[in-house]
PDB file of N, CA and C in Angstrom:
ATOM      1  N   MET A   1       0.817  -1.186   0.000  1.00  0.00           N
ATOM      2  CA  MET A   1       0.000   0.000   0.000  1.00  0.00           C
ATOM      3  C   MET A   1       0.868   1.260   0.000  1.00  0.00           C
ATOM      4  N   PHE A   2       1.966   1.250   0.751  1.00  0.00           N
ATOM      5  CA  PHE A   2       2.891   2.386   0.787  1.00  0.00           C
ATOM      6  C   PHE A   2       4.233   1.943   0.206  1.00  0.00           C
ATOM      7  N   HIS A   3       4.962   2.868  -0.413  1.00  0.00           N
ATOM      8  CA  HIS A   3       6.268   2.485  -0.955  1.00  0.00           C
ATOM      9  C   HIS A   3       7.250   2.244   0.184  1.00  0.00           C
ATOM     10  N   THR A   4       8.310   1.523  -0.077  1.00  0.00           N
ATOM     11  CA  THR A   4       9.231   1.070   0.971  1.00  0.00           C
ATOM     12  C   THR A   4       9.906   2.205   1.730  1.00  0.00           C
ATOM     13  N   GLY A   5      10.058   3.380   1.130  1.00  0.00           N
ATOM     14  CA  GLY A   5      10.692   4.503   1.814  1.00  0.00           C
ATOM     15  C   GLY A   5       9.735   5.315   2.669  1.00  0.00           C
ATOM     16  N   SER A   6       8.469   4.965   2.660  1.00  0.00           N
ATOM     17  CA  SER A   6       7.461   5.721   3.403  1.00  0.00           C
ATOM     18  C   SER A   6       7.559   5.456   4.899  1.00  0.00           C
ATOM     19  N   ARG A   7       7.309   6.472   5.700  1.00  0.00           N
ATOM     20  CA  ARG A   7       7.297   6.274   7.153  1.00  0.00           C
ATOM     21  C   ARG A   7       6.120   5.412   7.589  1.00  0.00           C
ATOM     22  N   TYR A   8       5.145   5.198   6.716  1.00  0.00           N
ATOM     23  CA  TYR A   8       3.973   4.393   7.033  1.00  0.00           C
ATOM     24  C   TYR A   8       4.108   2.939   6.566  1.00  0.00           C
ATOM     25  N   ALA A   9       5.208   2.604   5.901  1.00  0.00           N
ATOM     26  CA  ALA A   9       5.367   1.278   5.292  1.00  0.00           C
ATOM     27  C   ALA A   9       5.189   0.140   6.292  1.00  0.00           C
ATOM     28  N   GLY A  10       5.737   0.243   7.460  1.00  0.00           N
ATOM     29  CA  GLY A  10       5.632  -0.847   8.440  1.00  0.00           C
ATOM     30  C   GLY A  10       4.738  -0.512   9.614  1.00  0.00           C
ATOM     31  N   ALA A  11       3.900   0.498   9.479  1.00  0.00           N
ATOM     32  CA  ALA A  11       3.093   0.981  10.603  1.00  0.00           C
ATOM     33  C   ALA A  11       1.947   0.045  10.974  1.00  0.00           C
ATOM     34  N   GLY A  12       1.464  -0.730  10.035  1.00  0.00           N
ATOM     35  CA  GLY A  12       0.348  -1.625  10.316  1.00  0.00           C
ATOM     36  C   GLY A  12      -1.000  -0.937  10.120  1.00  0.00           C
ATOM     37  N   THR A  13      -2.059  -1.739  10.187  1.00  0.00           N
ATOM     38  CA  THR A  13      -3.411  -1.223   9.973  1.00  0.00           C
ATOM     39  C   THR A  13      -4.355  -1.758  11.045  1.00  0.00           C
ATOM     40  N   TYR A  14      -5.538  -1.191  11.098  1.00  0.00           N
ATOM     41  CA  TYR A  14      -6.600  -1.667  11.972  1.00  0.00           C
ATOM     42  C   TYR A  14      -7.930  -1.301  11.333  1.00  0.00           C
ATOM     43  N   GLN A  15      -9.010  -1.956  11.799  1.00  0.00           N
ATOM     44  CA  GLN A  15     -10.330  -1.704  11.236  1.00  0.00           C
ATOM     45  C   GLN A  15     -11.105  -0.728  12.116  1.00  0.00           C
ATOM     46  N   VAL A  16     -11.878   0.126  11.452  1.00  0.00           N
ATOM     47  CA  VAL A  16     -12.723   1.102  12.142  1.00  0.00           C
ATOM     48  C   VAL A  16     -14.139   0.935  11.607  1.00  0.00           C
ATOM     49  N   THR A  17     -15.105   0.897  12.516  1.00  0.00           N
ATOM     50  CA  THR A  17     -16.505   0.842  12.105  1.00  0.00           C
ATOM     51  C   THR A  17     -17.060   2.260  12.131  1.00  0.00           C
ATOM     52  N   ARG A  18     -17.528   2.703  10.989  1.00  0.00           N
ATOM     53  CA  ARG A  18     -18.079   4.055  10.865  1.00  0.00           C
ATOM     54  C   ARG A  18     -19.502   4.094  11.404  1.00  0.00           C
ATOM     55  N   PRO A  19     -20.030   5.289  11.677  1.00  0.00           N
ATOM     56  CA  PRO A  19     -21.386   5.413  12.222  1.00  0.00           C
ATOM     57  C   PRO A  19     -22.461   4.740  11.365  1.00  0.00           C
ATOM     58  N   ASP A  20     -22.222   4.651  10.056  1.00  0.00           N
ATOM     59  CA  ASP A  20     -23.221   4.011   9.180  1.00  0.00           C
ATOM     60  C   ASP A  20     -23.089   2.482   9.157  1.00  0.00           C
ATOM     61  N   GLY A  21     -22.139   1.937   9.942  1.00  0.00           N
ATOM     62  CA  GLY A  21     -21.955   0.495  10.019  1.00  0.00           C
ATOM     63  C   GLY A  21     -20.912  -0.063   9.069  1.00  0.00           C
ATOM     64  N   SER A  22     -20.442   0.739   8.123  1.00  0.00           N
ATOM     65  CA  SER A  22     -19.416   0.249   7.206  1.00  0.00           C
ATOM     66  C   SER A  22     -18.074   0.165   7.930  1.00  0.00           C
ATOM     67  N   VAL A  23     -17.259  -0.787   7.493  1.00  0.00           N
ATOM     68  CA  VAL A  23     -15.950  -0.999   8.111  1.00  0.00           C
ATOM     69  C   VAL A  23     -14.880  -0.547   7.127  1.00  0.00           C
ATOM     70  N   VAL A  24     -13.943   0.256   7.612  1.00  0.00           N
ATOM     71  CA  VAL A  24     -12.843   0.735   6.773  1.00  0.00           C
ATOM     72  C   VAL A  24     -11.519   0.368   7.427  1.00  0.00           C
ATOM     73  N   LEU A  25     -10.496   0.291   6.630  1.00  0.00           N
ATOM     74  CA  LEU A  25      -9.149  -0.013   7.094  1.00  0.00           C
ATOM     75  C   LEU A  25      -8.402   1.299   7.290  1.00  0.00           C
ATOM     76  N   ALA A  26      -7.757   1.456   8.448  1.00  0.00           N
ATOM     77  CA  ALA A  26      -7.012   2.674   8.751  1.00  0.00           C
ATOM     78  C   ALA A  26      -5.547   2.317   9.011  1.00  0.00           C
ATOM     79  N   THR A  27      -4.661   3.249   8.740  1.00  0.00           N
ATOM     80  CA  THR A  27      -3.230   3.055   8.977  1.00  0.00           C
ATOM     81  C   THR A  27      -2.853   3.590  10.344  1.00  0.00           C
ATOM     82  N   ARG A  28      -2.096   2.808  11.086  1.00  0.00           N
ATOM     83  CA  ARG A  28      -1.609   3.273  12.393  1.00  0.00           C
ATOM     84  C   ARG A  28      -0.592   4.388  12.166  1.00  0.00           C
ATOM     85  N   LEU A  29      -0.609   5.354  13.053  1.00  0.00           N
ATOM     86  CA  LEU A  29       0.378   6.427  12.964  1.00  0.00           C
ATOM     87  C   LEU A  29       1.674   5.959  13.608  1.00  0.00           C
ATOM     88  N   PRO A  30       2.779   6.065  12.901  1.00  0.00           N
ATOM     89  CA  PRO A  30       4.048   5.643  13.491  1.00  0.00           C
ATOM     90  C   PRO A  30       4.472   6.611  14.596  1.00  0.00           C
ATOM     91  N   VAL A  31       5.102   6.071  15.612  1.00  0.00           N
ATOM     92  CA  VAL A  31       5.614   6.915  16.694  1.00  0.00           C
ATOM     93  C   VAL A  31       6.885   7.578  16.193  1.00  0.00           C
ATOM     94  N   PRO A  32       6.895   8.924  16.133  1.00  0.00           N
ATOM     95  CA  PRO A  32       8.092   9.590  15.621  1.00  0.00           C
ATOM     96  C   PRO A  32       9.262   9.445  16.588  1.00  0.00           C
ATOM     97  N   ALA A  33      10.409   9.202  16.043  1.00  0.00           N
ATOM     98  CA  ALA A  33      11.632   9.109  16.832  1.00  0.00           C
ATOM     99  C   ALA A  33      12.601  10.164  16.314  1.00  0.00           C
ATOM    100  N   ALA A  34      13.317  10.768  17.228  1.00  0.00           N
ATOM    101  CA  ALA A  34      14.301  11.776  16.826  1.00  0.00           C
ATOM    102  C   ALA A  34      15.372  11.119  15.965  1.00  0.00           C
ATOM    103  N   LEU A  35      15.782  11.808  14.931  1.00  0.00           N
ATOM    104  CA  LEU A  35      16.813  11.287  14.042  1.00  0.00           C
ATOM    105  C   LEU A  35      18.146  11.954  14.359  1.00  0.00           C
ATOM    106  N   PRO A  36      19.240  11.203  14.312  1.00  0.00           N
ATOM    107  CA  PRO A  36      20.546  11.801  14.564  1.00  0.00           C
ATOM    108  C   PRO A  36      20.898  12.807  13.464  1.00  0.00           C
ATOM    109  N   VAL A  37      21.453  13.921  13.883  1.00  0.00           N
ATOM    110  CA  VAL A  37      21.817  15.003  12.961  1.00  0.00           C
ATOM    111  C   VAL A  37      23.270  14.841  12.551  1.00  0.00           C
ATOM    112  N   THR A  38      23.523  14.946  11.248  1.00  0.00           N
ATOM    113  CA  THR A  38      24.898  14.822  10.753  1.00  0.00           C
ATOM    114  C   THR A  38      25.473  16.150  10.277  1.00  0.00           C
ATOM    115  N   GLY A  39      24.632  17.158  10.191  1.00  0.00           N
ATOM    116  CA  GLY A  39      25.105  18.462   9.745  1.00  0.00           C
ATOM    117  C   GLY A  39      23.960  19.441   9.624  1.00  0.00           C
ATOM    118  N   TRP A  40      24.284  20.631   9.127  1.00  0.00           N
ATOM    119  CA  TRP A  40      23.313  21.712   9.014  1.00  0.00           C
ATOM    120  C   TRP A  40      23.361  22.293   7.608  1.00  0.00           C
ATOM    121  N   HIS A  41      22.232  22.787   7.162  1.00  0.00           N
ATOM    122  CA  HIS A  41      22.134  23.432   5.855  1.00  0.00           C
ATOM    123  C   HIS A  41      21.556  24.824   6.052  1.00  0.00           C
ATOM    124  N   ARG A  42      22.234  25.830   5.522  1.00  0.00           N
ATOM    125  CA  ARG A  42      21.716  27.202   5.575  1.00  0.00           C
ATOM    126  C   ARG A  42      20.802  27.403   4.374  1.00  0.00           C
ATOM    127  N   ARG A  43      19.524  27.604   4.650  1.00  0.00           N
ATOM    128  CA  ARG A  43      18.535  27.730   3.570  1.00  0.00           C
ATOM    129  C   ARG A  43      18.567  29.108   2.943  1.00  0.00           C
ATOM    130  N   THR A  44      18.280  29.117   1.659  1.00  0.00           N
ATOM    131  CA  THR A  44      18.094  30.373   0.954  1.00  0.00           C
ATOM    132  C   THR A  44      16.600  30.534   0.697  1.00  0.00           C
ATOM    133  N   GLU A  45      16.168  31.721   0.425  1.00  0.00           N
ATOM    134  CA  GLU A  45      14.749  31.991   0.224  1.00  0.00           C
ATOM    135  C   GLU A  45      14.190  31.146  -0.922  1.00  0.00           C
ATOM    136  N   GLY A  46      13.068  30.494  -0.661  1.00  0.00           N
ATOM    137  CA  GLY A  46      12.408  29.708  -1.681  1.00  0.00           C
ATOM    138  C   GLY A  46      12.979  28.320  -1.898  1.00  0.00           C
ATOM    139  N   GLU A  47      13.983  27.936  -1.124  1.00  0.00           N
ATOM    140  CA  GLU A  47      14.599  26.613  -1.282  1.00  0.00           C
ATOM    141  C   GLU A  47      13.634  25.538  -0.774  1.00  0.00           C
ATOM    142  N   ARG A  48      13.299  24.582  -1.637  1.00  0.00           N
ATOM    143  CA  ARG A  48      12.288  23.572  -1.305  1.00  0.00           C
ATOM    144  C   ARG A  48      12.878  22.403  -0.532  1.00  0.00           C
ATOM    145  N   LEU A  49      12.088  21.901   0.407  1.00  0.00           N
ATOM    146  CA  LEU A  49      12.541  20.804   1.251  1.00  0.00           C
ATOM    147  C   LEU A  49      12.694  19.493   0.484  1.00  0.00           C
ATOM    148  N   ASP A  50      11.878  19.277  -0.547  1.00  0.00           N
ATOM    149  CA  ASP A  50      12.032  18.043  -1.322  1.00  0.00           C
ATOM    150  C   ASP A  50      13.366  18.021  -2.057  1.00  0.00           C
ATOM    151  N   LEU A  51      13.835  19.205  -2.463  1.00  0.00           N
ATOM    152  CA  LEU A  51      15.143  19.277  -3.129  1.00  0.00           C
ATOM    153  C   LEU A  51      16.283  19.037  -2.134  1.00  0.00           C
ATOM    154  N   LEU A  52      16.118  19.539  -0.908  1.00  0.00           N
ATOM    155  CA  LEU A  52      17.123  19.273   0.128  1.00  0.00           C
ATOM    156  C   LEU A  52      17.153  17.784   0.461  1.00  0.00           C
ATOM    157  N   ALA A  53      15.977  17.175   0.568  1.00  0.00           N
ATOM    158  CA  ALA A  53      15.907  15.740   0.859  1.00  0.00           C
ATOM    159  C   ALA A  53      16.549  14.934  -0.265  1.00  0.00           C
ATOM    160  N   ALA A  54      16.322  15.333  -1.500  1.00  0.00           N
ATOM    161  CA  ALA A  54      16.926  14.629  -2.638  1.00  0.00           C
ATOM    162  C   ALA A  54      18.444  14.746  -2.584  1.00  0.00           C
ATOM    163  N   HIS A  55      18.934  15.935  -2.273  1.00  0.00           N
ATOM    164  CA  HIS A  55      20.377  16.172  -2.255  1.00  0.00           C
ATOM    165  C   HIS A  55      21.060  15.441  -1.086  1.00  0.00           C
ATOM    166  N   TYR A  56      20.536  15.629   0.122  1.00  0.00           N
ATOM    167  CA  TYR A  56      21.194  15.087   1.311  1.00  0.00           C
ATOM    168  C   TYR A  56      20.813  13.644   1.636  1.00  0.00           C
ATOM    169  N   LEU A  57      19.582  13.249   1.305  1.00  0.00           N
ATOM    170  CA  LEU A  57      19.107  11.922   1.687  1.00  0.00           C
ATOM    171  C   LEU A  57      18.946  10.981   0.510  1.00  0.00           C
ATOM    172  N   GLY A  58      19.069  11.511  -0.706  1.00  0.00           N
ATOM    173  CA  GLY A  58      18.946  10.680  -1.891  1.00  0.00           C
ATOM    174  C   GLY A  58      17.514  10.323  -2.245  1.00  0.00           C
ATOM    175  N   ASP A  59      16.536  11.012  -1.630  1.00  0.00           N
ATOM    176  CA  ASP A  59      15.129  10.689  -1.871  1.00  0.00           C
ATOM    177  C   ASP A  59      14.273  11.931  -1.644  1.00  0.00           C
ATOM    178  N   PRO A  60      13.706  12.510  -2.696  1.00  0.00           N
ATOM    179  CA  PRO A  60      12.897  13.722  -2.516  1.00  0.00           C
ATOM    180  C   PRO A  60      11.641  13.490  -1.684  1.00  0.00           C
ATOM    181  N   THR A  61      11.183  12.236  -1.602  1.00  0.00           N
ATOM    182  CA  THR A  61       9.987  11.968  -0.797  1.00  0.00           C
ATOM    183  C   THR A  61      10.309  11.823   0.688  1.00  0.00           C
ATOM    184  N   ALA A  62      11.578  11.928   1.061  1.00  0.00           N
ATOM    185  CA  ALA A  62      11.994  11.796   2.460  1.00  0.00           C
ATOM    186  C   ALA A  62      12.055  13.140   3.180  1.00  0.00           C
ATOM    187  N   ALA A  63      11.391  14.148   2.651  1.00  0.00           N
ATOM    188  CA  ALA A  63      11.391  15.467   3.304  1.00  0.00           C
ATOM    189  C   ALA A  63      10.827  15.380   4.723  1.00  0.00           C
ATOM    190  N   TRP A  64       9.942  14.408   4.971  1.00  0.00           N
ATOM    191  CA  TRP A  64       9.384  14.233   6.316  1.00  0.00           C
ATOM    192  C   TRP A  64      10.483  13.967   7.342  1.00  0.00           C
ATOM    193  N   MET A  65      11.609  13.375   6.907  1.00  0.00           N
ATOM    194  CA  MET A  65      12.722  13.110   7.817  1.00  0.00           C
ATOM    195  C   MET A  65      13.365  14.406   8.298  1.00  0.00           C
ATOM    196  N   LEU A  66      13.300  15.441   7.477  1.00  0.00           N
ATOM    197  CA  LEU A  66      13.817  16.744   7.895  1.00  0.00           C
ATOM    198  C   LEU A  66      12.986  17.284   9.055  1.00  0.00           C
ATOM    199  N   GLY A  67      11.680  17.059   8.996  1.00  0.00           N
ATOM    200  CA  GLY A  67      10.811  17.472  10.090  1.00  0.00           C
ATOM    201  C   GLY A  67      11.172  16.768  11.384  1.00  0.00           C
ATOM    202  N   LEU A  68      11.423  15.466  11.327  1.00  0.00           N
ATOM    203  CA  LEU A  68      11.807  14.720  12.532  1.00  0.00           C
ATOM    204  C   LEU A  68      13.140  15.198  13.088  1.00  0.00           C
ATOM    205  N   ALA A  69      14.101  15.432  12.228  1.00  0.00           N
ATOM    206  CA  ALA A  69      15.423  15.872  12.676  1.00  0.00           C
ATOM    207  C   ALA A  69      15.395  17.271  13.277  1.00  0.00           C
ATOM    208  N   ASN A  70      14.389  18.066  12.884  1.00  0.00           N
ATOM    209  CA  ASN A  70      14.297  19.445  13.363  1.00  0.00           C
ATOM    210  C   ASN A  70      13.174  19.647  14.371  1.00  0.00           C
ATOM    211  N   ASP A  71      12.608  18.544  14.853  1.00  0.00           N
ATOM    212  CA  ASP A  71      11.524  18.593  15.837  1.00  0.00           C
ATOM    213  C   ASP A  71      10.383  19.504  15.370  1.00  0.00           C
ATOM    214  N   ALA A  72      10.008  19.354  14.104  1.00  0.00           N
ATOM    215  CA  ALA A  72       8.937  20.153  13.511  1.00  0.00           C
ATOM    216  C   ALA A  72       7.768  19.238  13.165  1.00  0.00           C
ATOM    217  N   MET A  73       6.623  19.486  13.787  1.00  0.00           N
ATOM    218  CA  MET A  73       5.425  18.675  13.506  1.00  0.00           C
ATOM    219  C   MET A  73       4.942  18.887  12.085  1.00  0.00           C
ATOM    220  N   VAL A  74       5.096  20.113  11.587  1.00  0.00           N
ATOM    221  CA  VAL A  74       4.628  20.471  10.243  1.00  0.00           C
ATOM    222  C   VAL A  74       5.838  20.986   9.466  1.00  0.00           C
ATOM    223  N   LEU A  75       6.042  20.472   8.260  1.00  0.00           N
ATOM    224  CA  LEU A  75       7.214  20.875   7.477  1.00  0.00           C
ATOM    225  C   LEU A  75       7.242  22.370   7.181  1.00  0.00           C
ATOM    226  N   ASP A  76       6.086  22.998   7.085  1.00  0.00           N
ATOM    227  CA  ASP A  76       6.047  24.434   6.823  1.00  0.00           C
ATOM    228  C   ASP A  76       6.747  25.231   7.919  1.00  0.00           C
ATOM    229  N   ALA A  77       6.875  24.661   9.116  1.00  0.00           N
ATOM    230  CA  ALA A  77       7.563  25.345  10.217  1.00  0.00           C
ATOM    231  C   ALA A  77       9.040  25.553   9.890  1.00  0.00           C
ATOM    232  N   LEU A  78       9.591  24.732   9.007  1.00  0.00           N
ATOM    233  CA  LEU A  78      11.004  24.876   8.642  1.00  0.00           C
ATOM    234  C   LEU A  78      11.237  26.054   7.701  1.00  0.00           C
ATOM    235  N   ALA A  79      10.173  26.587   7.122  1.00  0.00           N
ATOM    236  CA  ALA A  79      10.309  27.703   6.182  1.00  0.00           C
ATOM    237  C   ALA A  79      10.881  28.941   6.859  1.00  0.00           C
ATOM    238  N   VAL A  80      10.674  29.086   8.151  1.00  0.00           N
ATOM    239  CA  VAL A  80      11.161  30.274   8.860  1.00  0.00           C
ATOM    240  C   VAL A  80      12.540  30.060   9.475  1.00  0.00           C
ATOM    241  N   ARG A  81      13.075  28.862   9.343  1.00  0.00           N
ATOM    242  CA  ARG A  81      14.389  28.582   9.929  1.00  0.00           C
ATOM    243  C   ARG A  81      15.500  28.849   8.934  1.00  0.00           C
ATOM    244  N   GLU A  82      16.530  29.531   9.423  1.00  0.00           N
ATOM    245  CA  GLU A  82      17.680  29.799   8.558  1.00  0.00           C
ATOM    246  C   GLU A  82      18.567  28.556   8.448  1.00  0.00           C
ATOM    247  N   LEU A  83      18.719  27.828   9.542  1.00  0.00           N
ATOM    248  CA  LEU A  83      19.524  26.608   9.561  1.00  0.00           C
ATOM    249  C   LEU A  83      18.605  25.409   9.747  1.00  0.00           C
ATOM    250  N   VAL A  84      18.784  24.409   8.905  1.00  0.00           N
ATOM    251  CA  VAL A  84      17.976  23.190   8.985  1.00  0.00           C
ATOM    252  C   VAL A  84      18.918  22.022   9.237  1.00  0.00           C
ATOM    253  N   ALA A  85      18.617  21.255  10.287  1.00  0.00           N
ATOM    254  CA  ALA A  85      19.432  20.079  10.607  1.00  0.00           C
ATOM    255  C   ALA A  85      19.202  19.007   9.556  1.00  0.00           C
ATOM    256  N   MET A  86      20.265  18.343   9.172  1.00  0.00           N
ATOM    257  CA  MET A  86      20.186  17.262   8.189  1.00  0.00           C
ATOM    258  C   MET A  86      20.418  15.933   8.891  1.00  0.00           C
ATOM    259  N   PRO A  87      19.440  15.017   8.767  1.00  0.00           N
ATOM    260  CA  PRO A  87      19.601  13.705   9.401  1.00  0.00           C
ATOM    261  C   PRO A  87      20.526  12.813   8.583  1.00  0.00           C
ATOM    262  N   ARG A  88      20.929  11.729   9.211  1.00  0.00           N
ATOM    263  CA  ARG A  88      21.760  10.737   8.548  1.00  0.00           C
ATOM    264  C   ARG A  88      20.950  10.056   7.451  1.00  0.00           C
ATOM    265  N   ARG A  89      21.566   9.787   6.323  1.00  0.00           N
ATOM    266  CA  ARG A  89      20.907   9.067   5.220  1.00  0.00           C
ATOM    267  C   ARG A  89      20.651   7.628   5.659  1.00  0.00           C
ATOM    268  N   VAL A  90      19.430   7.149   5.381  1.00  0.00           N
ATOM    269  CA  VAL A  90      19.082   5.782   5.759  1.00  0.00           C
ATOM    270  C   VAL A  90      19.190   4.847   4.601  1.00  0.00           C
TER     271      VAL A  90
END
């Protein structure tokens, strides 16, 4: 259901019964763990996080890892930071 690099790949699923009686499958939310920081990147205006993830982590879809390394619940919070911590490539 999720690609192998997704944070949801091994999260598991469970069933939920909706008010109308239908049953749907839901994905468990993974417990975020702090990622070790290997360095810092000074952002320039308009620099996109997917491009940073592609450059430093080898995967543009791994931008969510930047959020974990910077203790940011929402990636948009990194837009105001001049320095962004870069996690170790997995």
